[in-house]
């Protein structure tokens, strides 16, 4: 019983830290149901994507209460890739009220990601 409680707590901590994984079926609902959404388009086979991953997760821990952080694995394919012209990865797109306001194709540090996205959030 004690082990199950520890396992449940560990799961909650991990899910609280990791960005939300989204796909073609819930993409639109996600970007429209949160005021500020940062979506990282990535793939497991992409080296720069792997370099960005820990920085993106650190940024989520800092800015996650103001911005919804999500990831979209491009191997899922789907209409959002063509609609938002995602032709290179990693690509991060910032949405405000469901509309794209900015994007980056760079491997940014966590502090640069936080500064970038919070620049769109009124203080």
C-alpha atoms as a PDB file:
ATOM      1  CA  UNK A   1       0.000   0.000   0.000  1.00  0.00           C
ATOM      2  CA  UNK A   2       2.821   2.407   0.873  1.00  0.00           C
ATOM      3  CA  UNK A   3       4.494   1.574  -2.453  1.00  0.00           C
ATOM      4  CA  UNK A   4       1.292   2.382  -4.362  1.00  0.00           C
ATOM      5  CA  UNK A   5       1.044   5.776  -2.654  1.00  0.00           C
ATOM      6  CA  UNK A   6       4.658   6.546  -3.535  1.00  0.00           C
ATOM      7  CA  UNK A   7       4.047   5.461  -7.104  1.00  0.00           C
ATOM      8  CA  UNK A   8       0.964   7.689  -7.336  1.00  0.00           C
ATOM      9  CA  UNK A   9       2.874  10.682  -5.950  1.00  0.00           C
ATOM     10  CA  UNK A  10       5.758  10.064  -8.368  1.00  0.00           C
ATOM     11  CA  UNK A  11       3.317   9.911 -11.293  1.00  0.00           C
ATOM     12  CA  UNK A  12       1.698  13.191 -10.251  1.00  0.00           C
ATOM     13  CA  UNK A  13       5.065  14.905  -9.941  1.00  0.00           C
ATOM     14  CA  UNK A  14       6.215  13.667 -13.337  1.00  0.00           C
ATOM     15  CA  UNK A  15       2.999  14.698 -15.063  1.00  0.00           C
ATOM     16  CA  UNK A  16       3.128  18.094 -13.367  1.00  0.00           C
ATOM     17  CA  UNK A  17       6.605  18.711 -14.774  1.00  0.00           C
ATOM     18  CA  UNK A  18       6.341  17.299 -18.296  1.00  0.00           C
ATOM     19  CA  UNK A  19       4.644  19.239 -21.040  1.00  0.00           C
ATOM     20  CA  UNK A  20       1.280  17.974 -22.234  1.00  0.00           C
ATOM     21  CA  UNK A  21       1.427  15.732 -25.282  1.00  0.00           C
ATOM     22  CA  UNK A  22      -1.108  16.633 -27.947  1.00  0.00           C
ATOM     23  CA  UNK A  23      -1.923  15.282 -31.393  1.00  0.00           C
ATOM     24  CA  UNK A  24      -4.157  15.905 -34.383  1.00  0.00           C
ATOM     25  CA  UNK A  25      -7.355  15.003 -32.502  1.00  0.00           C
ATOM     26  CA  UNK A  26      -6.954  17.496 -29.642  1.00  0.00           C
ATOM     27  CA  UNK A  27      -4.744  20.193 -31.177  1.00  0.00           C
ATOM     28  CA  UNK A  28      -7.451  22.773 -31.897  1.00  0.00           C
ATOM     29  CA  UNK A  29      -9.217  22.168 -28.597  1.00  0.00           C
ATOM     30  CA  UNK A  30      -5.923  22.652 -26.737  1.00  0.00           C
ATOM     31  CA  UNK A  31      -4.879  25.913 -28.389  1.00  0.00           C
ATOM     32  CA  UNK A  32      -8.384  27.350 -27.965  1.00  0.00           C
ATOM     33  CA  UNK A  33      -9.003  26.274 -24.372  1.00  0.00           C
ATOM     34  CA  UNK A  34      -6.027  28.158 -22.893  1.00  0.00           C
ATOM     35  CA  UNK A  35      -5.200  31.850 -23.253  1.00  0.00           C
ATOM     36  CA  UNK A  36      -1.455  31.272 -23.881  1.00  0.00           C
ATOM     37  CA  UNK A  37      -0.190  28.015 -25.387  1.00  0.00           C
ATOM     38  CA  UNK A  38       3.340  27.162 -26.459  1.00  0.00           C
ATOM     39  CA  UNK A  39       3.485  24.112 -28.730  1.00  0.00           C
ATOM     40  CA  UNK A  40       6.800  22.422 -29.443  1.00  0.00           C
ATOM     41  CA  UNK A  41       6.789  20.362 -32.657  1.00  0.00           C
ATOM     42  CA  UNK A  42       9.430  17.650 -32.406  1.00  0.00           C
ATOM     43  CA  UNK A  43      10.436  14.062 -33.229  1.00  0.00           C
ATOM     44  CA  UNK A  44      12.323  11.453 -31.212  1.00  0.00           C
ATOM     45  CA  UNK A  45      14.890  11.014 -34.014  1.00  0.00           C
ATOM     46  CA  UNK A  46      15.730  14.755 -34.150  1.00  0.00           C
ATOM     47  CA  UNK A  47      19.002  15.682 -32.414  1.00  0.00           C
ATOM     48  CA  UNK A  48      18.214  19.406 -31.929  1.00  0.00           C
ATOM     49  CA  UNK A  49      14.785  18.380 -30.557  1.00  0.00           C
ATOM     50  CA  UNK A  50      16.521  16.262 -27.918  1.00  0.00           C
ATOM     51  CA  UNK A  51      18.739  19.237 -27.019  1.00  0.00           C
ATOM     52  CA  UNK A  52      15.661  21.465 -26.655  1.00  0.00           C
ATOM     53  CA  UNK A  53      13.673  18.998 -24.534  1.00  0.00           C
ATOM     54  CA  UNK A  54      15.255  19.710 -21.099  1.00  0.00           C
ATOM     55  CA  UNK A  55      15.211  23.458 -21.754  1.00  0.00           C
ATOM     56  CA  UNK A  56      11.532  23.334 -22.716  1.00  0.00           C
ATOM     57  CA  UNK A  57      10.724  21.348 -19.549  1.00  0.00           C
ATOM     58  CA  UNK A  58      12.673  23.809 -17.353  1.00  0.00           C
ATOM     59  CA  UNK A  59      10.814  26.699 -18.965  1.00  0.00           C
ATOM     60  CA  UNK A  60       7.525  24.959 -18.208  1.00  0.00           C
ATOM     61  CA  UNK A  61       8.433  24.748 -14.529  1.00  0.00           C
ATOM     62  CA  UNK A  62       9.085  28.502 -14.469  1.00  0.00           C
ATOM     63  CA  UNK A  63       6.280  29.814 -16.705  1.00  0.00           C
ATOM     64  CA  UNK A  64       3.838  26.909 -16.577  1.00  0.00           C
ATOM     65  CA  UNK A  65       1.285  28.669 -14.422  1.00  0.00           C
ATOM     66  CA  UNK A  66       0.924  31.445 -17.019  1.00  0.00           C
ATOM     67  CA  UNK A  67       1.481  29.533 -20.266  1.00  0.00           C
ATOM     68  CA  UNK A  68       0.252  26.075 -21.246  1.00  0.00           C
ATOM     69  CA  UNK A  69       3.185  24.019 -22.577  1.00  0.00           C
ATOM     70  CA  UNK A  70       2.399  21.276 -25.081  1.00  0.00           C
ATOM     71  CA  UNK A  71       4.363  19.002 -27.380  1.00  0.00           C
ATOM     72  CA  UNK A  72       3.345  17.628 -30.762  1.00  0.00           C
ATOM     73  CA  UNK A  73       5.264  14.673 -32.190  1.00  0.00           C
ATOM     74  CA  UNK A  74       5.407  15.251 -35.949  1.00  0.00           C
ATOM     75  CA  UNK A  75       5.510  11.504 -36.562  1.00  0.00           C
ATOM     76  CA  UNK A  76       1.783  11.600 -35.758  1.00  0.00           C
ATOM     77  CA  UNK A  77       1.414  13.645 -38.933  1.00  0.00           C
ATOM     78  CA  UNK A  78      -1.904  15.486 -39.060  1.00  0.00           C
ATOM     79  CA  UNK A  79      -3.433  18.654 -40.412  1.00  0.00           C
ATOM     80  CA  UNK A  80      -1.822  21.084 -37.904  1.00  0.00           C
ATOM     81  CA  UNK A  81       1.556  20.513 -39.566  1.00  0.00           C
ATOM     82  CA  UNK A  82       0.396  21.820 -42.935  1.00  0.00           C
ATOM     83  CA  UNK A  83      -1.927  24.484 -41.529  1.00  0.00           C
ATOM     84  CA  UNK A  84       0.923  26.045 -39.536  1.00  0.00           C
ATOM     85  CA  UNK A  85       3.557  25.266 -42.178  1.00  0.00           C
ATOM     86  CA  UNK A  86       5.788  23.269 -39.843  1.00  0.00           C
ATOM     87  CA  UNK A  87       8.557  22.317 -42.246  1.00  0.00           C
ATOM     88  CA  UNK A  88      11.500  22.057 -39.850  1.00  0.00           C
ATOM     89  CA  UNK A  89      11.962  20.852 -36.318  1.00  0.00           C
ATOM     90  CA  UNK A  90      12.181  21.787 -33.628  1.00  0.00           C
ATOM     91  CA  UNK A  91       9.581  24.482 -34.098  1.00  0.00           C
ATOM     92  CA  UNK A  92       7.872  26.220 -31.199  1.00  0.00           C
ATOM     93  CA  UNK A  93       4.700  28.172 -31.910  1.00  0.00           C
ATOM     94  CA  UNK A  94       3.140  30.513 -29.387  1.00  0.00           C
ATOM     95  CA  UNK A  95      -0.641  30.816 -29.573  1.00  0.00           C
ATOM     96  CA  UNK A  96      -2.695  33.518 -27.870  1.00  0.00           C
ATOM     97  CA  UNK A  97      -6.453  32.986 -27.860  1.00  0.00           C
ATOM     98  CA  UNK A  98      -6.008  30.171 -30.396  1.00  0.00           C
ATOM     99  CA  UNK A  99      -4.092  32.267 -32.910  1.00  0.00           C
ATOM    100  CA  UNK A 100      -0.396  32.040 -33.780  1.00  0.00           C
ATOM    101  CA  UNK A 101       1.471  35.144 -32.595  1.00  0.00           C
ATOM    102  CA  UNK A 102       5.110  34.043 -32.856  1.00  0.00           C
ATOM    103  CA  UNK A 103       7.374  31.087 -33.581  1.00  0.00           C
ATOM    104  CA  UNK A 104      10.943  29.952 -33.126  1.00  0.00           C
ATOM    105  CA  UNK A 105      12.966  27.318 -34.953  1.00  0.00           C
ATOM    106  CA  UNK A 106      15.949  27.643 -32.623  1.00  0.00           C
ATOM    107  CA  UNK A 107      17.197  25.580 -29.720  1.00  0.00           C
ATOM    108  CA  UNK A 108      16.669  28.196 -27.016  1.00  0.00           C
ATOM    109  CA  UNK A 109      17.746  28.074 -23.386  1.00  0.00           C
ATOM    110  CA  UNK A 110      15.025  27.788 -20.781  1.00  0.00           C
ATOM    111  CA  UNK A 111      15.527  31.409 -19.728  1.00  0.00           C
ATOM    112  CA  UNK A 112      15.223  32.543 -23.357  1.00  0.00           C
ATOM    113  CA  UNK A 113      12.002  30.540 -23.770  1.00  0.00           C
ATOM    114  CA  UNK A 114      10.561  32.053 -20.591  1.00  0.00           C
ATOM    115  CA  UNK A 115      11.525  35.602 -21.593  1.00  0.00           C
ATOM    116  CA  UNK A 116      10.106  35.074 -25.068  1.00  0.00           C
ATOM    117  CA  UNK A 117       6.707  33.699 -24.070  1.00  0.00           C
ATOM    118  CA  UNK A 118       6.197  35.882 -21.000  1.00  0.00           C
ATOM    119  CA  UNK A 119       6.822  38.893 -23.225  1.00  0.00           C
ATOM    120  CA  UNK A 120       3.306  38.225 -24.549  1.00  0.00           C
ATOM    121  CA  UNK A 121       1.721  37.832 -21.118  1.00  0.00           C
ATOM    122  CA  UNK A 122       0.625  41.062 -19.416  1.00  0.00           C
ATOM    123  CA  UNK A 123       2.293  41.425 -16.041  1.00  0.00           C
END
